Amino acid sequence: MNSHPKIEQAYHCRVAATYDFPSDLLAGQEELHQVRAELLALLKRLPWSVEPLDGFTDDHGWRKVERPASPGWTPDEQAEVEKLRERERELAVFVTCHRFWSEVAATDTVEARMTLKHVQEGEA
């Protein structure tokens, strides 16, 4: 005889809601995706340290960490990163504070937000 109680879970499937996103909100979200991708690509290309630093090895933590010497970022690289970060902040505020969200029921906000984030994928 099984001494563990039987646990049943009910999975409720909802039909995915469709949302009539305003064109400026869609454009803002798309630009936010583009700016984030551009920023990520730039950060991957840049040296690991903004300031010039010597390389190091640290094997005292839970894993070994090694970094080569870093020449640092040039003033132009720093300016480009700051420009992209500022635009990312502006767009994030625009998207999250858009008047559209006041029209969405509180219980549907997360689903609507996730739908907006992935709307371009659905069109591809």
PDB file of N, CA and C in Angstrom:
ATOM      1  N   MET A   1       0.845  -1.175   0.000  1.00  0.00           N
ATOM      2  CA  MET A   1       0.000   0.000   0.000  1.00  0.00           C
ATOM      3  C   MET A   1       0.890   1.237   0.000  1.00  0.00           C
ATOM      4  N   ASN A   2       0.562   2.184  -0.824  1.00  0.00           N
ATOM      5  CA  ASN A   2       1.324   3.420  -0.940  1.00  0.00           C
ATOM      6  C   ASN A   2       0.962   4.354   0.204  1.00  0.00           C
ATOM      7  N   SER A   3       1.977   4.791   0.959  1.00  0.00           N
ATOM      8  CA  SER A   3       1.716   5.666   2.100  1.00  0.00           C
ATOM      9  C   SER A   3       1.698   7.141   1.716  1.00  0.00           C
ATOM     10  N   HIS A   4       2.017   7.421   0.476  1.00  0.00           N
ATOM     11  CA  HIS A   4       2.015   8.821   0.037  1.00  0.00           C
ATOM     12  C   HIS A   4       0.619   9.201  -0.440  1.00  0.00           C
ATOM     13  N   PRO A   5       0.148  10.353  -0.022  1.00  0.00           N
ATOM     14  CA  PRO A   5      -1.172  10.777  -0.491  1.00  0.00           C
ATOM     15  C   PRO A   5      -1.131  11.079  -1.986  1.00  0.00           C
ATOM     16  N   LYS A   6      -2.202  10.786  -2.621  1.00  0.00           N
ATOM     17  CA  LYS A   6      -2.294  11.050  -4.049  1.00  0.00           C
ATOM     18  C   LYS A   6      -2.575  12.537  -4.247  1.00  0.00           C
ATOM     19  N   ILE A   7      -1.744  13.142  -5.048  1.00  0.00           N
ATOM     20  CA  ILE A   7      -1.914  14.566  -5.321  1.00  0.00           C
ATOM     21  C   ILE A   7      -2.299  14.711  -6.778  1.00  0.00           C
ATOM     22  N   GLU A   8      -3.378  15.368  -6.982  1.00  0.00           N
ATOM     23  CA  GLU A   8      -3.827  15.606  -8.343  1.00  0.00           C
ATOM     24  C   GLU A   8      -3.715  17.090  -8.641  1.00  0.00           C
ATOM     25  N   GLN A   9      -3.256  17.387  -9.818  1.00  0.00           N
ATOM     26  CA  GLN A   9      -3.188  18.771 -10.243  1.00  0.00           C
ATOM     27  C   GLN A   9      -4.079  18.944 -11.452  1.00  0.00           C
ATOM     28  N   ALA A  10      -4.781  20.007 -11.423  1.00  0.00           N
ATOM     29  CA  ALA A  10      -5.600  20.342 -12.576  1.00  0.00           C
ATOM     30  C   ALA A  10      -4.878  21.431 -13.355  1.00  0.00           C
ATOM     31  N   TYR A  11      -4.746  21.232 -14.618  1.00  0.00           N
ATOM     32  CA  TYR A  11      -4.127  22.226 -15.472  1.00  0.00           C
ATOM     33  C   TYR A  11      -5.233  22.879 -16.288  1.00  0.00           C
ATOM     34  N   HIS A  12      -5.320  24.150 -16.123  1.00  0.00           N
ATOM     35  CA  HIS A  12      -6.355  24.892 -16.831  1.00  0.00           C
ATOM     36  C   HIS A  12      -5.721  25.578 -18.031  1.00  0.00           C
ATOM     37  N   CYS A  13      -6.214  25.242 -19.179  1.00  0.00           N
ATOM     38  CA  CYS A  13      -5.693  25.856 -20.392  1.00  0.00           C
ATOM     39  C   CYS A  13      -6.624  26.986 -20.798  1.00  0.00           C
ATOM     40  N   ARG A  14      -6.025  28.138 -20.958  1.00  0.00           N
ATOM     41  CA  ARG A  14      -6.799  29.276 -21.428  1.00  0.00           C
ATOM     42  C   ARG A  14      -6.466  29.503 -22.890  1.00  0.00           C
ATOM     43  N   VAL A  15      -7.451  29.920 -23.599  1.00  0.00           N
ATOM     44  CA  VAL A  15      -7.202  30.311 -24.976  1.00  0.00           C
ATOM     45  C   VAL A  15      -6.417  31.613 -24.918  1.00  0.00           C
ATOM     46  N   ALA A  16      -5.348  31.671 -25.657  1.00  0.00           N
ATOM     47  CA  ALA A  16      -4.515  32.876 -25.641  1.00  0.00           C
ATOM     48  C   ALA A  16      -5.334  34.076 -26.090  1.00  0.00           C
ATOM     49  N   ALA A  17      -5.302  35.088 -25.269  1.00  0.00           N
ATOM     50  CA  ALA A  17      -6.028  36.304 -25.590  1.00  0.00           C
ATOM     51  C   ALA A  17      -5.280  37.061 -26.684  1.00  0.00           C
ATOM     52  N   THR A  18      -6.020  37.812 -27.438  1.00  0.00           N
ATOM     53  CA  THR A  18      -5.390  38.687 -28.417  1.00  0.00           C
ATOM     54  C   THR A  18      -5.551  40.113 -27.916  1.00  0.00           C
ATOM     55  N   TYR A  19      -4.561  40.904 -28.174  1.00  0.00           N
ATOM     56  CA  TYR A  19      -4.566  42.283 -27.702  1.00  0.00           C
ATOM     57  C   TYR A  19      -4.376  43.207 -28.890  1.00  0.00           C
ATOM     58  N   ASP A  20      -5.079  44.309 -28.850  1.00  0.00           N
ATOM     59  CA  ASP A  20      -4.974  45.310 -29.904  1.00  0.00           C
ATOM     60  C   ASP A  20      -3.965  46.365 -29.452  1.00  0.00           C
ATOM     61  N   PHE A  21      -2.680  46.005 -29.572  1.00  0.00           N
ATOM     62  CA  PHE A  21      -1.629  46.909 -29.120  1.00  0.00           C
ATOM     63  C   PHE A  21      -1.560  48.130 -30.036  1.00  0.00           C
ATOM     64  N   PRO A  22      -1.465  49.320 -29.458  1.00  0.00           N
ATOM     65  CA  PRO A  22      -1.300  50.523 -30.283  1.00  0.00           C
ATOM     66  C   PRO A  22       0.020  50.463 -31.058  1.00  0.00           C
ATOM     67  N   SER A  23       0.040  51.083 -32.215  1.00  0.00           N
ATOM     68  CA  SER A  23       1.233  51.020 -33.067  1.00  0.00           C
ATOM     69  C   SER A  23       2.457  51.639 -32.400  1.00  0.00           C
ATOM     70  N   ASP A  24       2.279  52.700 -31.603  1.00  0.00           N
ATOM     71  CA  ASP A  24       3.444  53.305 -30.952  1.00  0.00           C
ATOM     72  C   ASP A  24       4.016  52.393 -29.875  1.00  0.00           C
ATOM     73  N   LEU A  25       3.159  51.612 -29.223  1.00  0.00           N
ATOM     74  CA  LEU A  25       3.631  50.652 -28.222  1.00  0.00           C
ATOM     75  C   LEU A  25       4.394  49.511 -28.900  1.00  0.00           C
ATOM     76  N   LEU A  26       3.861  49.021 -30.008  1.00  0.00           N
ATOM     77  CA  LEU A  26       4.553  47.974 -30.773  1.00  0.00           C
ATOM     78  C   LEU A  26       5.914  48.474 -31.270  1.00  0.00           C
ATOM     79  N   ALA A  27       5.937  49.695 -31.774  1.00  0.00           N
ATOM     80  CA  ALA A  27       7.199  50.263 -32.270  1.00  0.00           C
ATOM     81  C   ALA A  27       8.194  50.449 -31.129  1.00  0.00           C
ATOM     82  N   GLY A  28       7.712  50.896 -29.975  1.00  0.00           N
ATOM     83  CA  GLY A  28       8.588  51.070 -28.818  1.00  0.00           C
ATOM     84  C   GLY A  28       9.169  49.752 -28.348  1.00  0.00           C
ATOM     85  N   GLN A  29       8.344  48.709 -28.315  1.00  0.00           N
ATOM     86  CA  GLN A  29       8.828  47.394 -27.893  1.00  0.00           C
ATOM     87  C   GLN A  29       9.843  46.847 -28.889  1.00  0.00           C
ATOM     88  N   GLU A  30       9.576  47.021 -30.179  1.00  0.00           N
ATOM     89  CA  GLU A  30      10.510  46.539 -31.200  1.00  0.00           C
ATOM     90  C   GLU A  30      11.847  47.272 -31.095  1.00  0.00           C
ATOM     91  N   GLU A  31      11.799  48.586 -30.911  1.00  0.00           N
ATOM     92  CA  GLU A  31      13.052  49.337 -30.767  1.00  0.00           C
ATOM     93  C   GLU A  31      13.786  48.922 -29.496  1.00  0.00           C
ATOM     94  N   LEU A  32      13.044  48.636 -28.434  1.00  0.00           N
ATOM     95  CA  LEU A  32      13.665  48.168 -27.192  1.00  0.00           C
ATOM     96  C   LEU A  32      14.417  46.862 -27.434  1.00  0.00           C
ATOM     97  N   HIS A  33      13.811  45.935 -28.161  1.00  0.00           N
ATOM     98  CA  HIS A  33      14.500  44.685 -28.517  1.00  0.00           C
ATOM     99  C   HIS A  33      15.780  44.984 -29.300  1.00  0.00           C
ATOM    100  N   GLN A  34      15.686  45.876 -30.272  1.00  0.00           N
ATOM    101  CA  GLN A  34      16.838  46.200 -31.113  1.00  0.00           C
ATOM    102  C   GLN A  34      17.959  46.844 -30.307  1.00  0.00           C
ATOM    103  N   VAL A  35      17.608  47.792 -29.436  1.00  0.00           N
ATOM    104  CA  VAL A  35      18.617  48.478 -28.625  1.00  0.00           C
ATOM    105  C   VAL A  35      19.291  47.499 -27.673  1.00  0.00           C
ATOM    106  N   ARG A  36      18.506  46.619 -27.062  1.00  0.00           N
ATOM    107  CA  ARG A  36      19.095  45.630 -26.151  1.00  0.00           C
ATOM    108  C   ARG A  36      20.032  44.683 -26.894  1.00  0.00           C
ATOM    109  N   ALA A  37      19.658  44.266 -28.085  1.00  0.00           N
ATOM    110  CA  ALA A  37      20.521  43.380 -28.873  1.00  0.00           C
ATOM    111  C   ALA A  37      21.807  44.099 -29.272  1.00  0.00           C
ATOM    112  N   GLU A  38      21.688  45.351 -29.667  1.00  0.00           N
ATOM    113  CA  GLU A  38      22.864  46.135 -30.048  1.00  0.00           C
ATOM    114  C   GLU A  38      23.788  46.349 -28.850  1.00  0.00           C
ATOM    115  N   LEU A  39      23.209  46.650 -27.690  1.00  0.00           N
ATOM    116  CA  LEU A  39      24.004  46.843 -26.474  1.00  0.00           C
ATOM    117  C   LEU A  39      24.710  45.551 -26.072  1.00  0.00           C
ATOM    118  N   LEU A  40      24.005  44.436 -26.115  1.00  0.00           N
ATOM    119  CA  LEU A  40      24.603  43.148 -25.765  1.00  0.00           C
ATOM    120  C   LEU A  40      25.765  42.813 -26.698  1.00  0.00           C
ATOM    121  N   ALA A  41      25.567  43.025 -27.991  1.00  0.00           N
ATOM    122  CA  ALA A  41      26.630  42.745 -28.959  1.00  0.00           C
ATOM    123  C   ALA A  41      27.844  43.641 -28.701  1.00  0.00           C
ATOM    124  N   LEU A  42      27.609  44.902 -28.401  1.00  0.00           N
ATOM    125  CA  LEU A  42      28.709  45.821 -28.115  1.00  0.00           C
ATOM    126  C   LEU A  42      29.459  45.398 -26.861  1.00  0.00           C
ATOM    127  N   LEU A  43      28.732  45.064 -25.799  1.00  0.00           N
ATOM    128  CA  LEU A  43      29.376  44.664 -24.547  1.00  0.00           C
ATOM    129  C   LEU A  43      30.189  43.383 -24.710  1.00  0.00           C
ATOM    130  N   LYS A  44      29.744  42.488 -25.572  1.00  0.00           N
ATOM    131  CA  LYS A  44      30.501  41.257 -25.821  1.00  0.00           C
ATOM    132  C   LYS A  44      31.809  41.533 -26.553  1.00  0.00           C
ATOM    133  N   ARG A  45      31.827  42.582 -27.377  1.00  0.00           N
ATOM    134  CA  ARG A  45      33.034  42.925 -28.132  1.00  0.00           C
ATOM    135  C   ARG A  45      34.052  43.699 -27.294  1.00  0.00           C
ATOM    136  N   LEU A  46      33.578  44.426 -26.306  1.00  0.00           N
ATOM    137  CA  LEU A  46      34.460  45.296 -25.520  1.00  0.00           C
ATOM    138  C   LEU A  46      35.284  44.509 -24.511  1.00  0.00           C
ATOM    139  N   PRO A  47      36.418  45.077 -24.082  1.00  0.00           N
ATOM    140  CA  PRO A  47      37.200  44.445 -23.015  1.00  0.00           C
ATOM    141  C   PRO A  47      36.353  44.295 -21.751  1.00  0.00           C
ATOM    142  N   TRP A  48      36.744  43.377 -20.880  1.00  0.00           N
ATOM    143  CA  TRP A  48      35.958  43.068 -19.685  1.00  0.00           C
ATOM    144  C   TRP A  48      35.945  44.202 -18.676  1.00  0.00           C
ATOM    145  N   SER A  49      36.897  45.119 -18.740  1.00  0.00           N
ATOM    146  CA  SER A  49      36.985  46.206 -17.771  1.00  0.00           C
ATOM    147  C   SER A  49      36.887  47.557 -18.470  1.00  0.00           C
ATOM    148  N   VAL A  50      36.108  48.451 -17.901  1.00  0.00           N
ATOM    149  CA  VAL A  50      35.986  49.793 -18.459  1.00  0.00           C
ATOM    150  C   VAL A  50      37.321  50.523 -18.351  1.00  0.00           C
ATOM    151  N   GLU A  51      37.952  50.407 -17.202  1.00  0.00           N
ATOM    152  CA  GLU A  51      39.255  51.038 -16.953  1.00  0.00           C
ATOM    153  C   GLU A  51      40.372  50.050 -17.290  1.00  0.00           C
ATOM    154  N   PRO A  52      41.548  50.542 -17.685  1.00  0.00           N
ATOM    155  CA  PRO A  52      42.678  49.633 -17.919  1.00  0.00           C
ATOM    156  C   PRO A  52      43.053  48.910 -16.617  1.00  0.00           C
ATOM    157  N   LEU A  53      43.142  47.594 -16.681  1.00  0.00           N
ATOM    158  CA  LEU A  53      43.497  46.790 -15.508  1.00  0.00           C
ATOM    159  C   LEU A  53      44.406  45.643 -15.919  1.00  0.00           C
ATOM    160  N   ASP A  54      45.248  45.232 -14.972  1.00  0.00           N
ATOM    161  CA  ASP A  54      46.094  44.061 -15.188  1.00  0.00           C
ATOM    162  C   ASP A  54      45.229  42.806 -15.200  1.00  0.00           C
ATOM    163  N   GLY A  55      45.719  41.780 -15.841  1.00  0.00           N
ATOM    164  CA  GLY A  55      45.038  40.492 -15.806  1.00  0.00           C
ATOM    165  C   GLY A  55      45.177  39.862 -14.431  1.00  0.00           C
ATOM    166  N   PHE A  56      44.365  38.848 -14.159  1.00  0.00           N
ATOM    167  CA  PHE A  56      44.456  38.171 -12.861  1.00  0.00           C
ATOM    168  C   PHE A  56      43.918  36.754 -12.955  1.00  0.00           C
ATOM    169  N   THR A  57      44.296  35.964 -11.974  1.00  0.00           N
ATOM    170  CA  THR A  57      43.776  34.616 -11.788  1.00  0.00           C
ATOM    171  C   THR A  57      43.352  34.492 -10.336  1.00  0.00           C
ATOM    172  N   ASP A  58      42.156  33.995 -10.118  1.00  0.00           N
ATOM    173  CA  ASP A  58      41.655  33.791  -8.754  1.00  0.00           C
ATOM    174  C   ASP A  58      41.085  32.382  -8.680  1.00  0.00           C
ATOM    175  N   ASP A  59      41.743  31.520  -7.903  1.00  0.00           N
ATOM    176  CA  ASP A  59      41.233  30.155  -7.752  1.00  0.00           C
ATOM    177  C   ASP A  59      40.840  29.870  -6.305  1.00  0.00           C
ATOM    178  N   HIS A  60      40.505  30.914  -5.563  1.00  0.00           N
ATOM    179  CA  HIS A  60      40.095  30.749  -4.166  1.00  0.00           C
ATOM    180  C   HIS A  60      38.577  30.660  -4.005  1.00  0.00           C
ATOM    181  N   GLY A  61      37.836  30.931  -5.033  1.00  0.00           N
ATOM    182  CA  GLY A  61      36.381  30.868  -4.967  1.00  0.00           C
ATOM    183  C   GLY A  61      35.878  29.487  -5.340  1.00  0.00           C
ATOM    184  N   TRP A  62      34.611  29.387  -5.594  1.00  0.00           N
ATOM    185  CA  TRP A  62      34.005  28.098  -5.933  1.00  0.00           C
ATOM    186  C   TRP A  62      34.379  27.653  -7.345  1.00  0.00           C
ATOM    187  N   ARG A  63      34.884  28.608  -8.136  1.00  0.00           N
ATOM    188  CA  ARG A  63      35.402  28.254  -9.456  1.00  0.00           C
ATOM    189  C   ARG A  63      36.562  29.188  -9.775  1.00  0.00           C
ATOM    190  N   LYS A  64      37.410  28.729 -10.621  1.00  0.00           N
ATOM    191  CA  LYS A  64      38.576  29.519 -11.012  1.00  0.00           C
ATOM    192  C   LYS A  64      38.142  30.622 -11.984  1.00  0.00           C
ATOM    193  N   VAL A  65      38.649  31.821 -11.750  1.00  0.00           N
ATOM    194  CA  VAL A  65      38.341  32.957 -12.614  1.00  0.00           C
ATOM    195  C   VAL A  65      39.651  33.509 -13.156  1.00  0.00           C
ATOM    196  N   GLU A  66      39.703  33.682 -14.450  1.00  0.00           N
ATOM    197  CA  GLU A  66      40.884  34.266 -15.084  1.00  0.00           C
ATOM    198  C   GLU A  66      40.444  35.379 -16.024  1.00  0.00           C
ATOM    199  N   ARG A  67      41.177  36.465 -15.981  1.00  0.00           N
ATOM    200  CA  ARG A  67      40.915  37.568 -16.896  1.00  0.00           C
ATOM    201  C   ARG A  67      42.251  38.044 -17.464  1.00  0.00           C
ATOM    202  N   PRO A  68      42.308  38.279 -18.757  1.00  0.00           N
ATOM    203  CA  PRO A  68      43.528  38.841 -19.342  1.00  0.00           C
ATOM    204  C   PRO A  68      43.615  40.335 -18.999  1.00  0.00           C
ATOM    205  N   ALA A  69      44.745  40.923 -19.257  1.00  0.00           N
ATOM    206  CA  ALA A  69      44.877  42.368 -19.058  1.00  0.00           C
ATOM    207  C   ALA A  69      43.852  43.081 -19.945  1.00  0.00           C
ATOM    208  N   SER A  70      43.295  44.154 -19.419  1.00  0.00           N
ATOM    209  CA  SER A  70      42.285  44.904 -20.163  1.00  0.00           C
ATOM    210  C   SER A  70      42.815  46.298 -20.487  1.00  0.00           C
ATOM    211  N   PRO A  71      42.744  46.682 -21.749  1.00  0.00           N
ATOM    212  CA  PRO A  71      43.161  48.035 -22.105  1.00  0.00           C
ATOM    213  C   PRO A  71      42.122  49.082 -21.695  1.00  0.00           C
ATOM    214  N   GLY A  72      40.961  48.614 -21.252  1.00  0.00           N
ATOM    215  CA  GLY A  72      39.869  49.536 -20.923  1.00  0.00           C
ATOM    216  C   GLY A  72      39.098  49.936 -22.168  1.00  0.00           C
ATOM    217  N   TRP A  73      38.093  50.751 -21.953  1.00  0.00           N
ATOM    218  CA  TRP A  73      37.276  51.224 -23.062  1.00  0.00           C
ATOM    219  C   TRP A  73      37.752  52.605 -23.477  1.00  0.00           C
ATOM    220  N   THR A  74      37.651  52.886 -24.744  1.00  0.00           N
ATOM    221  CA  THR A  74      37.969  54.230 -25.230  1.00  0.00           C
ATOM    222  C   THR A  74      36.825  55.166 -24.830  1.00  0.00           C
ATOM    223  N   PRO A  75      37.059  56.464 -24.843  1.00  0.00           N
ATOM    224  CA  PRO A  75      35.965  57.404 -24.563  1.00  0.00           C
ATOM    225  C   PRO A  75      34.784  57.224 -25.522  1.00  0.00           C
ATOM    226  N   ASP A  76      35.073  56.924 -26.786  1.00  0.00           N
ATOM    227  CA  ASP A  76      33.989  56.698 -27.752  1.00  0.00           C
ATOM    228  C   ASP A  76      33.179  55.451 -27.397  1.00  0.00           C
ATOM    229  N   GLU A  77      33.860  54.389 -26.971  1.00  0.00           N
ATOM    230  CA  GLU A  77      33.156  53.164 -26.566  1.00  0.00           C
ATOM    231  C   GLU A  77      32.299  53.421 -25.331  1.00  0.00           C
ATOM    232  N   GLN A  78      32.841  54.151 -24.369  1.00  0.00           N
ATOM    233  CA  GLN A  78      32.074  54.482 -23.167  1.00  0.00           C
ATOM    234  C   GLN A  78      30.841  55.306 -23.524  1.00  0.00           C
ATOM    235  N   ALA A  79      31.013  56.257 -24.426  1.00  0.00           N
ATOM    236  CA  ALA A  79      29.891  57.099 -24.847  1.00  0.00           C
ATOM    237  C   ALA A  79      28.825  56.277 -25.565  1.00  0.00           C
ATOM    238  N   GLU A  80      29.251  55.334 -26.407  1.00  0.00           N
ATOM    239  CA  GLU A  80      28.296  54.486 -27.134  1.00  0.00           C
ATOM    240  C   GLU A  80      27.504  53.609 -26.173  1.00  0.00           C
ATOM    241  N   VAL A  81      28.176  53.022 -25.190  1.00  0.00           N
ATOM    242  CA  VAL A  81      27.480  52.201 -24.193  1.00  0.00           C
ATOM    243  C   VAL A  81      26.486  53.059 -23.420  1.00  0.00           C
ATOM    244  N   GLU A  82      26.907  54.230 -22.996  1.00  0.00           N
ATOM    245  CA  GLU A  82      26.015  55.107 -22.231  1.00  0.00           C
ATOM    246  C   GLU A  82      24.814  55.540 -23.069  1.00  0.00           C
ATOM    247  N   LYS A  83      25.049  55.844 -24.349  1.00  0.00           N
ATOM    248  CA  LYS A  83      23.957  56.237 -25.249  1.00  0.00           C
ATOM    249  C   LYS A  83      22.931  55.107 -25.371  1.00  0.00           C
ATOM    250  N   LEU A  84      23.415  53.885 -25.566  1.00  0.00           N
ATOM    251  CA  LEU A  84      22.503  52.743 -25.694  1.00  0.00           C
ATOM    252  C   LEU A  84      21.778  52.456 -24.385  1.00  0.00           C
ATOM    253  N   ARG A  85      22.476  52.549 -23.264  1.00  0.00           N
ATOM    254  CA  ARG A  85      21.826  52.312 -21.967  1.00  0.00           C
ATOM    255  C   ARG A  85      20.753  53.361 -21.695  1.00  0.00           C
ATOM    256  N   GLU A  86      21.038  54.604 -22.023  1.00  0.00           N
ATOM    257  CA  GLU A  86      20.056  55.674 -21.826  1.00  0.00           C
ATOM    258  C   GLU A  86      18.828  55.435 -22.699  1.00  0.00           C
ATOM    259  N   ARG A  87      19.043  55.066 -23.953  1.00  0.00           N
ATOM    260  CA  ARG A  87      17.910  54.791 -24.849  1.00  0.00           C
ATOM    261  C   ARG A  87      17.125  53.578 -24.358  1.00  0.00           C
ATOM    262  N   GLU A  88      17.815  52.572 -23.850  1.00  0.00           N
ATOM    263  CA  GLU A  88      17.139  51.395 -23.293  1.00  0.00           C
ATOM    264  C   GLU A  88      16.243  51.807 -22.127  1.00  0.00           C
ATOM    265  N   ARG A  89      16.754  52.658 -21.241  1.00  0.00           N
ATOM    266  CA  ARG A  89      15.939  53.130 -20.108  1.00  0.00           C
ATOM    267  C   ARG A  89      14.718  53.904 -20.589  1.00  0.00           C
ATOM    268  N   GLU A  90      14.924  54.810 -21.542  1.00  0.00           N
ATOM    269  CA  GLU A  90      13.808  55.596 -22.079  1.00  0.00           C
ATOM    270  C   GLU A  90      12.723  54.689 -22.655  1.00  0.00           C
ATOM    271  N   LEU A  91      13.131  53.720 -23.441  1.00  0.00           N
ATOM    272  CA  LEU A  91      12.167  52.813 -24.070  1.00  0.00           C
ATOM    273  C   LEU A  91      11.479  51.922 -23.047  1.00  0.00           C
ATOM    274  N   ALA A  92      12.217  51.447 -22.050  1.00  0.00           N
ATOM    275  CA  ALA A  92      11.614  50.608 -21.009  1.00  0.00           C
ATOM    276  C   ALA A  92      10.542  51.385 -20.259  1.00  0.00           C
ATOM    277  N   VAL A  93      10.824  52.643 -19.946  1.00  0.00           N
ATOM    278  CA  VAL A  93       9.828  53.482 -19.268  1.00  0.00           C
ATOM    279  C   VAL A  93       8.635  53.715 -20.185  1.00  0.00           C
ATOM    280  N   PHE A  94       8.892  54.024 -21.456  1.00  0.00           N
ATOM    281  CA  PHE A  94       7.809  54.252 -22.404  1.00  0.00           C
ATOM    282  C   PHE A  94       6.893  53.037 -22.497  1.00  0.00           C
ATOM    283  N   VAL A  95       7.479  51.860 -22.657  1.00  0.00           N
ATOM    284  CA  VAL A  95       6.688  50.635 -22.825  1.00  0.00           C
ATOM    285  C   VAL A  95       5.930  50.291 -21.549  1.00  0.00           C
ATOM    286  N   THR A  96       6.594  50.331 -20.408  1.00  0.00           N
ATOM    287  CA  THR A  96       5.938  49.901 -19.164  1.00  0.00           C
ATOM    288  C   THR A  96       4.926  50.909 -18.644  1.00  0.00           C
ATOM    289  N   CYS A  97       5.065  52.173 -19.010  1.00  0.00           N
ATOM    290  CA  CYS A  97       4.143  53.203 -18.514  1.00  0.00           C
ATOM    291  C   CYS A  97       3.136  53.645 -19.572  1.00  0.00           C
ATOM    292  N   HIS A  98       3.075  52.953 -20.683  1.00  0.00           N
ATOM    293  CA  HIS A  98       2.175  53.324 -21.776  1.00  0.00           C
ATOM    294  C   HIS A  98       0.722  53.300 -21.296  1.00  0.00           C
ATOM    295  N   ARG A  99      -0.067  54.215 -21.813  1.00  0.00           N
ATOM    296  CA  ARG A  99      -1.487  54.324 -21.423  1.00  0.00           C
ATOM    297  C   ARG A  99      -2.271  53.036 -21.701  1.00  0.00           C
ATOM    298  N   PHE A 100      -1.794  52.226 -22.639  1.00  0.00           N
ATOM    299  CA  PHE A 100      -2.483  50.976 -22.974  1.00  0.00           C
ATOM    300  C   PHE A 100      -2.676  50.094 -21.751  1.00  0.00           C
ATOM    301  N   TRP A 101      -1.690  50.058 -20.845  1.00  0.00           N
ATOM    302  CA  TRP A 101      -1.749  49.143 -19.710  1.00  0.00           C
ATOM    303  C   TRP A 101      -2.890  49.474 -18.758  1.00  0.00           C
ATOM    304  N   SER A 102      -3.370  50.711 -18.760  1.00  0.00           N
ATOM    305  CA  SER A 102      -4.505  51.066 -17.897  1.00  0.00           C
ATOM    306  C   SER A 102      -5.806  50.454 -18.416  1.00  0.00           C
ATOM    307  N   GLU A 103      -5.811  50.029 -19.669  1.00  0.00           N
ATOM    308  CA  GLU A 103      -6.996  49.412 -20.271  1.00  0.00           C
ATOM    309  C   GLU A 103      -7.025  47.896 -20.088  1.00  0.00           C
ATOM    310  N   VAL A 104      -5.934  47.324 -19.592  1.00  0.00           N
ATOM    311  CA  VAL A 104      -5.829  45.872 -19.430  1.00  0.00           C
ATOM    312  C   VAL A 104      -6.195  45.509 -17.998  1.00  0.00           C
ATOM    313  N   ALA A 105      -7.041  44.500 -17.839  1.00  0.00           N
ATOM    314  CA  ALA A 105      -7.410  44.039 -16.496  1.00  0.00           C
ATOM    315  C   ALA A 105      -6.156  43.595 -15.751  1.00  0.00           C
ATOM    316  N   ALA A 106      -6.119  43.878 -14.465  1.00  0.00           N
ATOM    317  CA  ALA A 106      -4.944  43.546 -13.649  1.00  0.00           C
ATOM    318  C   ALA A 106      -4.582  42.068 -13.761  1.00  0.00           C
ATOM    319  N   THR A 107      -5.579  41.216 -13.851  1.00  0.00           N
ATOM    320  CA  THR A 107      -5.318  39.774 -13.935  1.00  0.00           C
ATOM    321  C   THR A 107      -4.707  39.367 -15.272  1.00  0.00           C
ATOM    322  N   ASP A 108      -4.800  40.227 -16.275  1.00  0.00           N
ATOM    323  CA  ASP A 108      -4.284  39.912 -17.610  1.00  0.00           C
ATOM    324  C   ASP A 108      -2.991  40.645 -17.954  1.00  0.00           C
ATOM    325  N   THR A 109      -2.507  41.483 -17.056  1.00  0.00           N
ATOM    326  CA  THR A 109      -1.351  42.326 -17.366  1.00  0.00           C
ATOM    327  C   THR A 109      -0.112  41.517 -17.719  1.00  0.00           C
ATOM    328  N   VAL A 110       0.197  40.499 -16.930  1.00  0.00           N
ATOM    329  CA  VAL A 110       1.409  39.712 -17.192  1.00  0.00           C
ATOM    330  C   VAL A 110       1.303  39.013 -18.545  1.00  0.00           C
ATOM    331  N   GLU A 111       0.168  38.403 -18.815  1.00  0.00           N
ATOM    332  CA  GLU A 111      -0.012  37.721 -20.100  1.00  0.00           C
ATOM    333  C   GLU A 111       0.091  38.708 -21.264  1.00  0.00           C
ATOM    334  N   ALA A 112      -0.514  39.876 -21.101  1.00  0.00           N
ATOM    335  CA  ALA A 112      -0.457  40.883 -22.161  1.00  0.00           C
ATOM    336  C   ALA A 112       0.976  41.360 -22.380  1.00  0.00           C
ATOM    337  N   ARG A 113       1.691  41.553 -21.289  1.00  0.00           N
ATOM    338  CA  ARG A 113       3.084  42.016 -21.399  1.00  0.00           C
ATOM    339  C   ARG A 113       3.947  40.963 -22.103  1.00  0.00           C
ATOM    340  N   MET A 114       3.755  39.700 -21.749  1.00  0.00           N
ATOM    341  CA  MET A 114       4.519  38.634 -22.396  1.00  0.00           C
ATOM    342  C   MET A 114       4.148  38.531 -23.878  1.00  0.00           C
ATOM    343  N   THR A 115       2.891  38.728 -24.190  1.00  0.00           N
ATOM    344  CA  THR A 115       2.459  38.703 -25.585  1.00  0.00           C
ATOM    345  C   THR A 115       3.141  39.816 -26.367  1.00  0.00           C
ATOM    346  N   LEU A 116       3.188  41.013 -25.779  1.00  0.00           N
ATOM    347  CA  LEU A 116       3.848  42.132 -26.451  1.00  0.00           C
ATOM    348  C   LEU A 116       5.327  41.844 -26.678  1.00  0.00           C
ATOM    349  N   LYS A 117       5.985  41.270 -25.689  1.00  0.00           N
ATOM    350  CA  LYS A 117       7.421  40.990 -25.817  1.00  0.00           C
ATOM    351  C   LYS A 117       7.712  40.034 -26.971  1.00  0.00           C
ATOM    352  N   HIS A 118       6.776  39.155 -27.273  1.00  0.00           N
ATOM    353  CA  HIS A 118       7.012  38.120 -28.282  1.00  0.00           C
ATOM    354  C   HIS A 118       6.198  38.323 -29.558  1.00  0.00           C
ATOM    355  N   VAL A 119       5.565  39.463 -29.710  1.00  0.00           N
ATOM    356  CA  VAL A 119       4.695  39.676 -30.864  1.00  0.00           C
ATOM    357  C   VAL A 119       5.469  39.602 -32.184  1.00  0.00           C
ATOM    358  N   GLN A 120       6.691  40.083 -32.236  1.00  0.00           N
ATOM    359  CA  GLN A 120       7.468  40.025 -33.480  1.00  0.00           C
ATOM    360  C   GLN A 120       7.824  38.596 -33.861  1.00  0.00           C
ATOM    361  N   GLU A 121       8.035  37.730 -32.861  1.00  0.00           N
ATOM    362  CA  GLU A 121       8.338  36.323 -33.139  1.00  0.00           C
ATOM    363  C   GLU A 121       7.171  35.654 -33.842  1.00  0.00           C
ATOM    364  N   GLY A 122       5.953  36.012 -33.447  1.00  0.00           N
ATOM    365  CA  GLY A 122       4.762  35.422 -34.033  1.00  0.00           C
ATOM    366  C   GLY A 122       4.541  35.846 -35.469  1.00  0.00           C
ATOM    367  N   GLU A 123       5.081  37.004 -35.833  1.00  0.00           N
ATOM    368  CA  GLU A 123       4.911  37.511 -37.191  1.00  0.00           C
ATOM    369  C   GLU A 123       5.959  36.968 -38.148  1.00  0.00           C
ATOM    370  N   ALA A 124       7.042  36.421 -37.582  1.00  0.00           N
ATOM    371  CA  ALA A 124       8.153  35.954 -38.434  1.00  0.00           C
ATOM    372  C   ALA A 124       7.807  34.692 -39.176  1.00  0.00           C
TER     373      ALA A 124
END
